[in-house]
Amino acid sequence: MNTIQKTHTGHTGAQPGASAHGLSSSLILLLASGAGLAVASLYYSQPMLRVLADDIGASDRAVGMVPMSTQLGYALGILLLAPLGDRYDRRRIILIKAAILTAALLLAGAASGVGALLAASLAVGLTATLAQDIVPAAASLAPEQSRGRVVGTVMTGLLLGILLSRVVSGFVAEHFGWRTMFVAAAASIALIGLAAWRGLPRFHPTTHLSYGALMASLATLFKKHGALRRAALAQGLLSIGFSAFWSTLAVMLHGAPFHLGSAAAGAFGLAGAAGALAAPLAGRIADKKGPELVTRLGVGLVIVSFAAMGLSPWFSTQGQLVLLAVAAVGFDLGVQATLVAHQTIVYSIEPGARSRLNAILFVGMFIGMAAGAALGSLVLAQWGWIAVVVLATLSAALALVVRLWPGAARAR
């Protein structure tokens, strides 16, 4: 599988067996699978929360902190660990994170109480950031003429990992138990680590800045670029509603009038599969019409989709499930399209600092994810499902305000 040999920073030399685009299909598959399985670790717990809470004797509010802890760990990992990809060999970073992530997933599966599970979830979030090392690795390995295609393929793997993780975990938890899901997840990461050890080439650092200087440069970039701040804020606001929906869906469906299990909650991930299709489509529209238009269209679609769920009390039980599925397609499509447009905006700011710019964008996004998981559980417990819908709609509306702010047009 090791068909690429690094020759200079940012360049690769194809060996026999590589594709015409300079990368072997097996290496592209490894990168896409690694990104997808790593990021899937963040979402396995969401459809299992009801089963998990009953097994360890935790309250709905306490178990709702599990996805929050995972998302917070991911945000911290992106902020504190992702910039290291510019300073050290990315292959070594990927291997170390894969080993620790495997151990963290096993600890989550062995947890006997909510405290241990929260600690393991934080560790899972921190080390699942290996997905954010794999994407820039793909960009570095790919020749310039096919970089977009390769990165797009890896991002498709990442998005499918997010979406299908809920389907798989819901099914496994209902039929084999939630602990089995965590053990299976650990095995998948261990296999990816082994394949990466055999198949990934070494990467030369692109900077010799100290760790402190790398961290300081993040603050400098954030203060310097208004377009970066708006992108991070808007994507973070969208993520609040996105995470509030997915982190409370299993608990809501378990109660009246649905009385559905974790497999049904996980199956809603299939409805969001349209989001994976949004990445290439949004990119093409951004190339032709500009990314600013895509952000506004995407956020608008999210608002309409969340607001439509507020009509559910006027539908029958079956009609409510259909409405939920249609809305999930809509807001997932809108969120993913907006993310691609925001990445287009951010990557054009300062090409020499793309890894750090990407880290700032995703920190904003996953802070929103963590806040959404916590707020969603709190709001559901206090005021019910319609209050979660209101929270999601308002947060998306605020994201539209950010995108319509006069400074956004000037930055474009």
Protein backbone atom coordinates (compact mmCIF):
# COMPACT_ATOMS: atom_id res chain seq x y z
CA MET A 1 0.00 0.00 0.00
CA ASN A 2 2.96 2.30 0.54
CA THR A 3 3.18 3.49 -3.04
CA ILE A 4 4.01 7.13 -2.45
CA GLN A 5 7.34 8.44 -1.31
CA LYS A 6 7.64 11.97 -0.04
CA THR A 7 10.38 13.87 -1.85
CA HIS A 8 9.93 17.50 -0.82
CA THR A 9 7.54 19.37 1.40
CA GLY A 10 4.18 19.54 -0.37
CA HIS A 11 5.28 17.29 -3.27
CA THR A 12 5.05 13.58 -3.87
CA GLY A 13 6.59 11.17 -6.29
CA ALA A 14 4.42 8.36 -7.64
CA GLN A 15 5.77 4.86 -7.57
CA PRO A 16 4.69 1.98 -9.77
CA GLY A 17 1.11 1.03 -8.98
CA ALA A 18 0.00 4.60 -8.33
CA SER A 19 -2.99 5.94 -10.19
CA ALA A 20 -2.71 8.40 -13.03
CA HIS A 21 -3.51 11.14 -10.52
CA GLY A 22 -0.37 10.35 -8.48
CA LEU A 23 -2.01 8.47 -5.60
CA SER A 24 -2.91 4.80 -5.47
CA SER A 25 -6.59 4.02 -5.04
CA SER A 26 -5.75 1.96 -1.95
CA LEU A 27 -4.08 4.96 -0.27
CA ILE A 28 -7.04 7.21 -1.08
CA LEU A 29 -9.36 4.55 0.36
CA LEU A 30 -7.23 4.38 3.50
CA LEU A 31 -7.39 8.15 3.97
CA ALA A 32 -11.15 8.33 3.37
CA SER A 33 -11.85 5.36 5.65
CA GLY A 34 -9.58 6.70 8.36
CA ALA A 35 -11.25 10.11 8.35
CA GLY A 36 -14.72 8.56 8.39
CA LEU A 37 -14.08 6.04 11.17
CA ALA A 38 -12.24 8.58 13.31
CA VAL A 39 -14.99 11.20 13.18
CA ALA A 40 -17.66 8.50 13.61
CA SER A 41 -16.29 7.99 17.12
CA LEU A 42 -17.85 11.31 18.07
CA TYR A 43 -21.38 10.22 17.22
CA TYR A 44 -21.73 6.57 18.22
CA SER A 45 -23.13 7.51 21.63
CA GLN A 46 -26.02 9.70 20.41
CA PRO A 47 -28.59 7.05 19.36
CA MET A 48 -27.58 4.87 22.35
CA LEU A 49 -28.24 7.40 25.10
CA ARG A 50 -31.53 5.93 26.25
CA VAL A 51 -30.18 2.36 26.38
CA LEU A 52 -26.99 3.57 27.98
CA ALA A 53 -28.78 5.61 30.67
CA ASP A 54 -30.96 2.66 31.67
CA ASP A 55 -27.96 0.34 31.92
CA ILE A 56 -25.72 2.50 34.11
CA GLY A 57 -28.56 4.15 36.06
CA ALA A 58 -27.92 7.72 34.87
CA SER A 59 -30.48 10.50 34.52
CA ASP A 60 -31.40 11.93 31.13
CA ARG A 61 -29.63 15.18 32.03
CA ALA A 62 -26.44 13.41 33.13
CA VAL A 63 -26.28 11.13 30.11
CA GLY A 64 -26.92 14.15 27.88
CA MET A 65 -23.48 15.39 28.95
CA VAL A 66 -21.83 12.46 27.14
CA PRO A 67 -22.12 13.92 23.61
CA MET A 68 -21.31 17.35 25.03
CA SER A 69 -18.09 15.99 26.55
CA THR A 70 -17.13 14.32 23.28
CA GLN A 71 -17.74 17.45 21.20
CA LEU A 72 -15.90 19.64 23.72
CA GLY A 73 -12.94 17.26 23.61
CA TYR A 74 -12.93 17.46 19.83
CA ALA A 75 -12.94 21.27 19.92
CA LEU A 76 -10.05 21.27 22.40
CA GLY A 77 -8.18 18.70 20.31
CA ILE A 78 -8.51 20.79 17.17
CA LEU A 79 -7.34 23.89 19.03
CA LEU A 80 -4.45 22.31 20.95
CA LEU A 81 -3.36 19.39 18.74
CA ALA A 82 -4.29 20.03 15.09
CA PRO A 83 -1.67 22.80 14.57
CA LEU A 84 1.03 20.22 15.38
CA GLY A 85 0.54 18.84 11.85
CA ASP A 86 2.50 21.83 10.54
CA ARG A 87 5.35 21.20 12.98
CA TYR A 88 5.78 17.40 13.11
CA ASP A 89 5.48 14.34 10.89
CA ARG A 90 1.73 13.86 10.35
CA ARG A 91 2.18 10.10 10.01
CA ARG A 92 3.54 9.88 13.55
CA ILE A 93 0.72 12.08 14.89
CA ILE A 94 -1.91 9.92 13.17
CA LEU A 95 -0.43 6.71 14.61
CA ILE A 96 -0.22 8.09 18.16
CA LYS A 97 -3.77 9.43 18.07
CA ALA A 98 -5.10 6.15 16.65
CA ALA A 99 -3.53 4.22 19.54
CA ILE A 100 -4.94 6.54 22.20
CA LEU A 101 -8.37 6.69 20.53
CA THR A 102 -8.53 2.88 20.53
CA ALA A 103 -7.82 2.83 24.27
CA ALA A 104 -10.36 5.60 24.98
CA LEU A 105 -13.13 3.75 23.13
CA LEU A 106 -12.37 0.58 25.10
CA LEU A 107 -12.54 2.57 28.35
CA ALA A 108 -15.91 4.00 27.29
CA GLY A 109 -17.20 0.49 26.64
CA ALA A 110 -16.01 -0.65 30.07
CA ALA A 111 -17.41 2.35 32.01
CA SER A 112 -19.61 1.41 34.98
CA GLY A 113 -20.79 4.93 35.79
CA VAL A 114 -21.47 8.23 34.10
CA GLY A 115 -18.31 9.85 35.53
CA ALA A 116 -15.99 7.32 33.91
CA LEU A 117 -17.98 7.52 30.69
CA LEU A 118 -17.67 11.32 30.59
CA ALA A 119 -13.89 11.12 31.09
CA ALA A 120 -13.54 8.50 28.35
CA SER A 121 -15.77 10.57 26.05
CA LEU A 122 -13.53 13.61 26.52
CA ALA A 123 -10.51 11.49 25.56
CA VAL A 124 -12.38 10.14 22.53
CA GLY A 125 -13.08 13.68 21.38
CA LEU A 126 -9.48 14.81 21.84
CA THR A 127 -7.98 11.96 19.80
CA ALA A 128 -10.72 11.67 17.16
CA THR A 129 -9.08 14.81 15.77
CA LEU A 130 -6.85 12.48 13.79
CA ALA A 131 -9.53 13.05 11.12
CA GLN A 132 -8.30 16.65 10.97
CA ASP A 133 -4.75 15.36 10.42
CA ILE A 134 -5.83 13.01 7.64
CA VAL A 135 -7.53 15.68 5.49
CA PRO A 136 -4.47 17.98 5.24
CA ALA A 137 -2.33 14.86 4.75
CA ALA A 138 -4.44 14.03 1.70
CA ALA A 139 -4.03 17.59 0.42
CA SER A 140 -0.24 17.37 0.84
CA LEU A 141 0.06 13.99 -0.88
CA ALA A 142 -2.16 14.83 -3.85
CA PRO A 143 -0.67 16.45 -6.96
CA GLU A 144 -1.97 19.96 -7.57
CA GLN A 145 -4.00 18.98 -10.64
CA SER A 146 -6.05 16.40 -8.67
CA ARG A 147 -5.96 17.86 -5.16
CA GLY A 148 -9.62 18.86 -5.21
CA ARG A 149 -10.75 15.41 -6.28
CA VAL A 150 -8.66 13.65 -3.63
CA VAL A 151 -9.65 15.98 -0.80
CA GLY A 152 -13.28 15.77 -1.92
CA THR A 153 -13.12 11.97 -1.75
CA VAL A 154 -11.65 12.07 1.75
CA MET A 155 -14.27 14.60 2.88
CA THR A 156 -17.00 12.35 1.50
CA GLY A 157 -15.62 9.55 3.67
CA LEU A 158 -15.63 11.89 6.66
CA LEU A 159 -19.23 12.99 6.08
CA LEU A 160 -20.42 9.41 5.57
CA GLY A 161 -18.70 8.50 8.84
CA ILE A 162 -20.73 11.17 10.63
CA LEU A 163 -24.02 10.07 9.10
CA LEU A 164 -23.69 6.29 9.09
CA SER A 165 -22.25 6.16 12.62
CA ARG A 166 -25.70 6.85 14.04
CA VAL A 167 -27.31 4.14 11.92
CA VAL A 168 -24.73 1.53 12.89
CA SER A 169 -24.63 2.40 16.60
CA GLY A 170 -28.42 2.42 16.91
CA PHE A 171 -28.67 -1.05 15.38
CA VAL A 172 -25.76 -2.53 17.33
CA ALA A 173 -26.92 -1.07 20.65
CA GLU A 174 -30.42 -2.46 20.26
CA HIS A 175 -29.36 -5.96 19.20
CA PHE A 176 -25.98 -6.49 20.88
CA GLY A 177 -25.66 -3.81 23.56
CA TRP A 178 -24.01 -0.40 23.74
CA ARG A 179 -20.74 -1.77 25.08
CA THR A 180 -20.36 -3.94 21.99
CA MET A 181 -20.55 -0.81 19.84
CA PHE A 182 -17.64 0.82 21.64
CA VAL A 183 -15.53 -2.33 21.41
CA ALA A 184 -16.26 -2.63 17.68
CA ALA A 185 -15.36 1.04 17.21
CA ALA A 186 -12.05 0.48 19.01
CA ALA A 187 -11.27 -2.47 16.73
CA SER A 188 -11.97 -0.38 13.62
CA ILE A 189 -9.57 2.37 14.75
CA ALA A 190 -6.90 -0.19 15.61
CA LEU A 191 -7.16 -1.58 12.07
CA ILE A 192 -6.89 1.93 10.60
CA GLY A 193 -3.80 2.55 12.74
CA LEU A 194 -2.20 -0.65 11.47
CA ALA A 195 -3.02 0.22 7.85
CA ALA A 196 -1.64 3.75 8.33
CA TRP A 197 1.57 2.35 9.83
CA ARG A 198 2.03 0.19 6.75
CA GLY A 199 0.70 2.53 4.09
CA LEU A 200 1.31 6.17 4.97
CA PRO A 201 4.55 7.88 3.96
CA ARG A 202 6.38 10.25 6.27
CA PHE A 203 5.68 13.98 6.09
CA HIS A 204 8.25 16.74 6.44
CA PRO A 205 7.28 19.65 8.74
CA THR A 206 6.31 22.88 6.97
CA THR A 207 7.34 25.12 9.87
CA HIS A 208 9.82 25.08 12.73
CA LEU A 209 7.81 27.35 15.00
CA SER A 210 7.69 26.32 18.63
CA TYR A 211 4.41 25.06 20.05
CA GLY A 212 3.89 28.36 21.83
CA ALA A 213 4.43 30.30 18.62
CA LEU A 214 1.96 28.06 16.76
CA MET A 215 -0.67 28.73 19.42
CA ALA A 216 0.04 32.45 19.36
CA SER A 217 -0.37 32.52 15.58
CA LEU A 218 -3.93 31.20 15.99
CA ALA A 219 -4.89 34.24 18.03
CA THR A 220 -3.13 36.53 15.55
CA LEU A 221 -5.01 35.04 12.61
CA PHE A 222 -8.34 35.26 14.46
CA LYS A 223 -7.82 38.94 15.32
CA LYS A 224 -6.55 39.82 11.86
CA HIS A 225 -9.28 38.37 9.66
CA GLY A 226 -12.90 39.39 10.08
CA ALA A 227 -13.98 36.85 7.46
CA LEU A 228 -12.50 34.09 9.60
CA ARG A 229 -14.32 35.30 12.71
CA ARG A 230 -17.66 35.47 10.88
CA ALA A 231 -17.22 32.00 9.38
CA ALA A 232 -16.36 30.45 12.76
CA LEU A 233 -19.24 32.22 14.52
CA ALA A 234 -21.86 31.42 11.88
CA GLN A 235 -20.84 27.75 11.64
CA GLY A 236 -20.80 27.51 15.43
CA LEU A 237 -24.34 28.88 15.66
CA LEU A 238 -25.56 26.39 13.06
CA SER A 239 -23.88 23.61 15.01
CA ILE A 240 -25.86 24.45 18.15
CA GLY A 241 -29.15 23.49 16.49
CA PHE A 242 -27.59 20.57 14.61
CA SER A 243 -26.18 19.03 17.79
CA ALA A 244 -29.27 19.82 19.89
CA PHE A 245 -31.39 17.82 17.43
CA TRP A 246 -29.16 14.76 17.15
CA SER A 247 -28.23 14.56 20.84
CA THR A 248 -31.89 14.59 22.00
CA LEU A 249 -33.55 12.64 19.18
CA ALA A 250 -33.08 9.19 20.74
CA VAL A 251 -34.54 10.30 24.09
CA MET A 252 -37.50 12.02 22.40
CA LEU A 253 -38.32 9.03 20.17
CA HIS A 254 -38.14 6.68 23.15
CA GLY A 255 -41.04 8.47 24.86
CA ALA A 256 -44.68 9.01 23.92
CA PRO A 257 -46.15 8.92 21.35
CA PHE A 258 -43.41 7.05 19.44
CA HIS A 259 -41.91 4.50 21.88
CA LEU A 260 -39.13 3.66 19.42
CA GLY A 261 -35.76 2.08 20.18
CA SER A 262 -32.21 3.19 19.48
CA ALA A 263 -32.21 1.53 16.04
CA ALA A 264 -35.00 3.85 14.89
CA ALA A 265 -33.12 6.89 16.17
CA GLY A 266 -30.00 5.75 14.36
CA ALA A 267 -31.94 5.18 11.14
CA PHE A 268 -32.60 8.91 10.96
CA GLY A 269 -28.91 9.22 10.06
CA LEU A 270 -29.84 7.84 6.66
CA ALA A 271 -32.17 10.80 6.16
CA GLY A 272 -29.18 13.08 6.67
CA ALA A 273 -27.15 11.27 4.02
CA ALA A 274 -28.14 14.04 1.62
CA GLY A 275 -25.61 16.18 3.46
CA ALA A 276 -22.78 14.12 2.00
CA LEU A 277 -24.05 15.07 -1.47
CA ALA A 278 -23.95 18.75 -0.54
CA ALA A 279 -20.15 18.97 -0.44
CA PRO A 280 -19.37 18.73 -4.19
CA LEU A 281 -22.57 20.56 -5.17
CA ALA A 282 -21.89 23.46 -2.81
CA GLY A 283 -18.31 23.64 -4.02
CA ARG A 284 -19.37 23.96 -7.65
CA ILE A 285 -21.90 26.68 -6.84
CA ALA A 286 -19.30 28.52 -4.75
CA ASP A 287 -16.86 28.41 -7.67
CA LYS A 288 -19.46 29.86 -10.05
CA LYS A 289 -21.48 32.23 -7.88
CA GLY A 290 -19.26 32.82 -4.88
CA PRO A 291 -19.22 31.20 -1.43
CA GLU A 292 -21.13 34.05 0.22
CA LEU A 293 -24.28 33.13 -1.71
CA VAL A 294 -23.91 29.48 -0.70
CA THR A 295 -23.65 30.39 2.99
CA ARG A 296 -26.89 32.38 2.83
CA LEU A 297 -28.76 29.73 0.88
CA GLY A 298 -27.50 27.00 3.21
CA VAL A 299 -28.41 28.86 6.40
CA GLY A 300 -31.83 29.73 4.96
CA LEU A 301 -32.50 26.06 4.28
CA VAL A 302 -31.52 25.19 7.85
CA ILE A 303 -33.92 27.78 9.28
CA VAL A 304 -36.85 26.56 7.17
CA SER A 305 -36.14 22.91 8.02
CA PHE A 306 -35.97 23.47 11.78
CA ALA A 307 -39.00 25.78 11.79
CA ALA A 308 -41.03 23.16 9.90
CA MET A 309 -40.55 20.72 12.79
CA GLY A 310 -42.54 23.12 14.94
CA LEU A 311 -45.64 22.03 13.00
CA SER A 312 -45.38 18.45 14.31
CA PRO A 313 -48.17 18.76 16.95
CA TRP A 314 -50.66 19.14 14.09
CA PHE A 315 -49.60 15.86 12.45
CA SER A 316 -50.40 12.26 13.22
CA THR A 317 -47.72 10.08 14.80
CA GLN A 318 -46.69 8.71 11.41
CA GLY A 319 -46.85 12.17 9.89
CA GLN A 320 -44.53 13.49 12.60
CA LEU A 321 -41.93 10.85 11.75
CA VAL A 322 -42.10 11.75 8.07
CA LEU A 323 -41.77 15.44 8.92
CA LEU A 324 -38.73 14.71 11.09
CA ALA A 325 -37.08 12.73 8.28
CA VAL A 326 -37.72 15.43 5.65
CA ALA A 327 -36.49 18.16 8.00
CA ALA A 328 -33.36 16.13 8.77
CA VAL A 329 -32.58 15.97 5.05
CA GLY A 330 -33.08 19.72 4.75
CA PHE A 331 -31.05 20.96 7.68
CA ASP A 332 -28.25 18.42 7.12
CA LEU A 333 -27.96 19.57 3.51
CA GLY A 334 -27.91 23.20 4.60
CA VAL A 335 -25.33 22.71 7.34
CA GLN A 336 -22.92 20.77 5.11
CA ALA A 337 -23.29 23.20 2.20
CA THR A 338 -22.56 26.12 4.52
CA LEU A 339 -19.51 24.35 5.94
CA VAL A 340 -18.04 23.79 2.48
CA ALA A 341 -18.65 27.46 1.60
CA HIS A 342 -17.05 28.60 4.85
CA GLN A 343 -14.01 26.42 4.13
CA THR A 344 -13.76 28.03 0.69
CA ILE A 345 -13.81 31.47 2.29
CA VAL A 346 -11.30 30.57 5.00
CA TYR A 347 -8.81 28.76 2.72
CA SER A 348 -8.61 31.84 0.48
CA ILE A 349 -7.55 34.14 3.32
CA GLU A 350 -3.95 33.04 3.82
CA PRO A 351 -2.86 29.93 1.87
CA GLY A 352 0.30 29.48 3.93
CA ALA A 353 -1.70 29.01 7.14
CA ARG A 354 -4.54 26.78 5.94
CA SER A 355 -4.13 24.16 8.67
CA ARG A 356 -4.38 26.78 11.39
CA LEU A 357 -7.24 28.61 9.69
CA ASN A 358 -9.07 25.30 9.36
CA ALA A 359 -8.42 24.62 13.06
CA ILE A 360 -10.01 27.93 14.06
CA LEU A 361 -13.07 27.28 11.89
CA PHE A 362 -13.59 23.81 13.33
CA VAL A 363 -13.02 24.97 16.91
CA GLY A 364 -15.94 27.37 16.44
CA MET A 365 -18.00 24.59 14.91
CA PHE A 366 -17.40 22.06 17.68
CA ILE A 367 -17.81 24.56 20.50
CA GLY A 368 -21.25 25.03 18.97
CA MET A 369 -21.68 21.24 18.88
CA ALA A 370 -20.81 20.93 22.57
CA ALA A 371 -23.08 23.83 23.53
CA GLY A 372 -25.92 22.37 21.46
CA ALA A 373 -25.64 18.97 23.12
CA ALA A 374 -25.72 20.52 26.61
CA LEU A 375 -28.49 23.02 25.86
CA GLY A 376 -30.54 20.47 23.96
CA SER A 377 -30.59 18.04 26.89
CA LEU A 378 -31.42 20.81 29.34
CA VAL A 379 -34.18 22.29 27.19
CA LEU A 380 -35.71 18.87 26.46
CA ALA A 381 -35.82 18.02 30.16
CA GLN A 382 -37.31 21.37 31.18
CA TRP A 383 -39.68 22.32 28.35
CA GLY A 384 -39.96 19.42 25.90
CA TRP A 385 -39.17 18.73 22.25
CA ILE A 386 -40.79 21.86 20.78
CA ALA A 387 -38.43 23.96 22.89
CA VAL A 388 -35.49 22.12 21.28
CA VAL A 389 -36.95 23.02 17.86
CA VAL A 390 -37.21 26.68 18.93
CA LEU A 391 -33.59 26.64 20.15
CA ALA A 392 -32.38 25.18 16.83
CA THR A 393 -34.40 27.66 14.76
CA LEU A 394 -33.20 30.70 16.74
CA SER A 395 -29.54 29.67 16.58
CA ALA A 396 -29.80 29.23 12.79
CA ALA A 397 -31.49 32.63 12.49
CA LEU A 398 -28.59 34.21 14.36
CA ALA A 399 -26.18 32.53 11.91
CA LEU A 400 -28.07 34.20 9.05
CA VAL A 401 -27.71 37.57 10.80
CA VAL A 402 -23.95 36.99 10.94
CA ARG A 403 -23.82 36.16 7.23
CA LEU A 404 -25.97 39.17 6.29
CA TRP A 405 -23.92 41.56 8.40
CA PRO A 406 -22.51 44.37 6.21
CA GLY A 407 -18.94 43.39 7.01
CA ALA A 408 -19.45 40.01 5.36
CA ALA A 409 -20.04 41.63 1.98
CA ARG A 410 -16.95 43.81 2.35
CA ALA A 411 -14.85 40.77 3.31
CA ARG A 412 -16.02 38.93 0.22
